[in-house]
Amino acid sequence: MTDETEQEAKEREEKERVEKAEKAAAEEARGAKERAESLLDKATEVAERIEAANKVTQENLTRQEALKVEQTLGGKAEAGAETKEDTPEEYAKKVMANDIETKE
């Protein structure tokens, strides 16, 4: 009879170990699921921010293109520097020094 009692005790211990292992596995699975959901939420948030930034960038590009067209049609050039007009005194000095640029 002691053999059966020992056998029953072993079976009970094994059953308790299996239950503990199942509980631990379930807890770990719950934690993994929560981490996965957290990562998914973060990825979704990042994607939304990227989409918003792309929209702003596209709007800025559209504005820049419109400004470039306006500048081109308005006759303004980016590389063109304003020419300085000579004062009458400066012009007189250039004439006397024969330093006048002629347009040909």
Protein backbone atom coordinates (compact mmCIF):
# COMPACT_ATOMS: atom_id res chain seq x y z
CA MET A 1 0.00 0.00 0.00
CA THR A 2 2.91 2.29 0.56
CA ASP A 3 3.88 1.87 -3.08
CA GLU A 4 0.52 3.21 -4.17
CA THR A 5 0.77 6.11 -1.78
CA GLU A 6 4.25 6.94 -3.06
CA GLN A 7 2.98 6.59 -6.62
CA GLU A 8 0.03 8.86 -5.89
CA ALA A 9 2.35 11.41 -4.26
CA LYS A 10 4.63 11.35 -7.31
CA GLU A 11 1.65 11.79 -9.61
CA ARG A 12 0.35 14.65 -7.49
CA GLU A 13 3.80 16.34 -7.52
CA GLU A 14 4.05 15.87 -11.27
CA LYS A 15 0.57 17.31 -11.72
CA GLU A 16 1.52 20.35 -9.59
CA ARG A 17 4.73 20.86 -11.62
CA VAL A 18 2.75 20.69 -14.85
CA GLU A 19 0.19 23.19 -13.52
CA LYS A 20 2.95 25.57 -12.44
CA ALA A 21 4.64 25.25 -15.82
CA GLU A 22 1.34 25.90 -17.60
CA LYS A 23 0.70 28.97 -15.43
CA ALA A 24 4.22 30.27 -16.11
CA ALA A 25 3.82 29.66 -19.83
CA ALA A 26 0.44 31.41 -19.85
CA GLU A 27 1.89 34.37 -17.94
CA GLU A 28 4.82 34.57 -20.34
CA ALA A 29 2.47 34.39 -23.31
CA ARG A 30 0.38 37.21 -21.84
CA GLY A 31 3.51 39.31 -21.37
CA ALA A 32 4.67 38.58 -24.92
CA LYS A 33 1.26 39.52 -26.26
CA GLU A 34 1.32 42.80 -24.32
CA ARG A 35 4.82 43.58 -25.60
CA ALA A 36 3.76 42.79 -29.16
CA GLU A 37 0.71 45.03 -28.84
CA SER A 38 2.89 47.77 -27.36
CA LEU A 39 5.34 47.50 -30.26
CA LEU A 40 2.49 47.50 -32.74
CA ASP A 41 1.03 50.63 -31.13
CA LYS A 42 4.42 52.34 -31.28
CA ALA A 43 4.92 51.34 -34.92
CA THR A 44 1.48 52.68 -35.80
CA GLU A 45 2.24 55.95 -34.02
CA VAL A 46 5.56 56.30 -35.85
CA ALA A 47 3.89 55.58 -39.19
CA GLU A 48 1.28 58.27 -38.51
CA ARG A 49 4.00 60.80 -37.65
CA ILE A 50 5.91 59.94 -40.83
CA GLU A 51 2.76 60.37 -42.91
CA ALA A 52 2.11 63.76 -41.30
CA ALA A 53 5.71 64.85 -41.94
CA ASN A 54 5.45 63.72 -45.57
CA LYS A 55 2.28 65.77 -45.98
CA VAL A 56 3.97 68.89 -44.57
CA THR A 57 7.00 68.31 -46.79
CA GLN A 58 4.77 67.98 -49.86
CA GLU A 59 2.96 71.22 -48.98
CA ASN A 60 6.30 73.02 -48.55
CA LEU A 61 7.54 71.68 -51.88
CA THR A 62 4.38 72.87 -53.60
CA ARG A 63 4.86 76.34 -52.12
CA GLN A 64 8.51 76.44 -53.18
CA GLU A 65 7.56 75.43 -56.71
CA ALA A 66 4.93 78.19 -56.85
CA LEU A 67 7.45 80.76 -55.60
CA LYS A 68 10.00 79.63 -58.19
CA VAL A 69 7.43 80.00 -60.97
CA GLU A 70 6.47 83.42 -59.66
CA GLN A 71 10.10 84.53 -59.56
CA THR A 72 10.75 83.21 -63.05
CA LEU A 73 7.70 84.87 -64.54
CA GLY A 74 8.42 88.04 -62.57
CA GLY A 75 11.84 88.36 -64.22
CA LYS A 76 13.77 87.91 -61.01
CA ALA A 77 16.86 85.77 -61.14
CA GLU A 78 18.46 84.16 -58.12
CA ALA A 79 22.01 84.72 -59.36
CA GLY A 80 21.51 88.24 -60.62
CA ALA A 81 23.09 90.94 -58.52
CA GLU A 82 21.75 94.44 -58.45
CA THR A 83 23.90 96.90 -60.37
CA LYS A 84 24.95 100.04 -58.61
CA GLU A 85 24.28 103.26 -60.45
CA ASP A 86 27.06 105.81 -60.42
CA THR A 87 26.40 109.15 -58.84
CA PRO A 88 26.96 112.17 -61.13
CA GLU A 89 30.28 112.85 -59.37
CA GLU A 90 31.49 109.26 -59.86
CA TYR A 91 30.42 109.35 -63.50
CA ALA A 92 32.28 112.61 -64.09
CA LYS A 93 35.45 111.12 -62.58
CA LYS A 94 35.18 108.07 -64.86
CA VAL A 95 34.66 110.26 -67.94
CA MET A 96 37.70 112.38 -67.06
CA ALA A 97 39.77 109.21 -66.50
CA ASN A 98 38.41 107.67 -69.77
CA ASP A 99 37.16 104.69 -67.75
CA ILE A 100 33.68 104.40 -69.26
CA GLU A 101 32.32 100.99 -70.18
CA THR A 102 30.45 101.06 -73.47
CA LYS A 103 27.74 98.61 -74.40
CA GLU A 104 28.26 97.07 -77.77
